[in-house]
Amino acid sequence: MVREAKNSESRADFQHKLGIAQKECDETSYWLKLLMRTNYITENEAEDIKFEATELLKMIRSSILTSKSSDHK
């Protein structure tokens, strides 16, 4: 979704696609919890991936906020 946002047709489209990417990243955290609880992956594996997902989520949120603040200028 982030790649799609780069090729968006407008700023609103960009923000929308990043919003979807944000939701997908959050959903990844949910699935990691389930995989860990069912012992499909170890806690260490889950934590490593969750850390990366959290960092991506922060970057996506920051991009959305920056884009929205540019709208008001």
Protein backbone atom coordinates (compact mmCIF):
# COMPACT_ATOMS: atom_id res chain seq x y z
CA MET A 1 0.00 0.00 0.00
CA VAL A 2 2.88 2.37 0.66
CA ARG A 3 4.14 1.72 -2.87
CA GLU A 4 0.64 2.41 -4.21
CA ALA A 5 0.52 5.63 -2.21
CA LYS A 6 3.66 6.81 -3.99
CA ASN A 7 1.72 6.59 -7.26
CA SER A 8 -1.46 8.16 -5.90
CA GLU A 9 -3.59 10.43 -8.04
CA SER A 10 -4.04 13.13 -5.40
CA ARG A 11 -3.03 14.07 -1.87
CA ALA A 12 -6.33 12.67 -0.58
CA ASP A 13 -5.68 9.40 -2.43
CA PHE A 14 -2.16 9.34 -0.94
CA GLN A 15 -3.53 9.78 2.58
CA HIS A 16 -6.22 7.16 2.00
CA LYS A 17 -3.73 4.56 0.77
CA LEU A 18 -1.39 5.24 3.67
CA GLY A 19 -4.37 4.85 6.00
CA ILE A 20 -4.98 1.40 4.55
CA ALA A 21 -1.28 0.57 4.99
CA GLN A 22 -1.58 1.66 8.63
CA LYS A 23 -4.51 -0.70 9.18
CA GLU A 24 -2.67 -3.57 7.48
CA CYS A 25 0.36 -3.00 9.67
CA ASP A 26 -1.81 -3.03 12.78
CA GLU A 27 -3.46 -6.24 11.59
CA THR A 28 -0.02 -7.82 11.28
CA SER A 29 0.46 -7.31 15.02
CA TYR A 30 -2.84 -9.06 15.66
CA TRP A 31 -1.85 -12.09 13.57
CA LEU A 32 1.55 -12.26 15.24
CA LYS A 33 -0.17 -12.54 18.61
CA LEU A 34 -2.33 -15.38 17.33
CA LEU A 35 0.63 -17.20 15.81
CA MET A 36 2.55 -16.87 19.05
CA ARG A 37 -0.38 -18.04 21.22
CA THR A 38 -0.81 -21.14 19.06
CA ASN A 39 2.93 -21.83 19.26
CA TYR A 40 3.27 -21.57 15.49
CA ILE A 41 6.13 -19.12 16.03
CA THR A 42 8.26 -18.43 19.08
CA GLU A 43 7.91 -15.36 21.23
CA ASN A 44 11.33 -14.17 20.01
CA GLU A 45 10.28 -14.51 16.36
CA ALA A 46 7.04 -12.65 17.06
CA GLU A 47 8.79 -9.88 18.96
CA ASP A 48 11.34 -9.30 16.19
CA ILE A 49 8.63 -9.01 13.55
CA LYS A 50 6.37 -6.97 15.83
CA PHE A 51 9.20 -4.50 16.44
CA GLU A 52 9.62 -4.01 12.70
CA ALA A 53 5.86 -3.67 12.20
CA THR A 54 5.70 -1.08 14.99
CA GLU A 55 8.52 0.94 13.43
CA LEU A 56 6.78 0.84 10.05
CA LEU A 57 3.53 1.89 11.69
CA LYS A 58 5.26 4.91 13.24
CA MET A 59 6.68 5.94 9.86
CA ILE A 60 3.33 5.54 8.12
CA ARG A 61 1.51 7.55 10.79
CA SER A 62 4.15 10.26 10.58
CA SER A 63 3.75 10.44 6.80
CA ILE A 64 -0.02 10.74 7.14
CA LEU A 65 0.27 13.51 9.73
CA THR A 66 2.84 15.39 7.64
CA SER A 67 0.65 15.14 4.57
CA LYS A 68 -2.41 16.33 6.47
CA SER A 69 -0.54 19.24 8.03
CA SER A 70 0.59 20.29 4.54
CA ASP A 71 -3.08 20.45 3.53
CA HIS A 72 -3.68 23.21 6.07
CA LYS A 73 -0.85 25.45 4.90
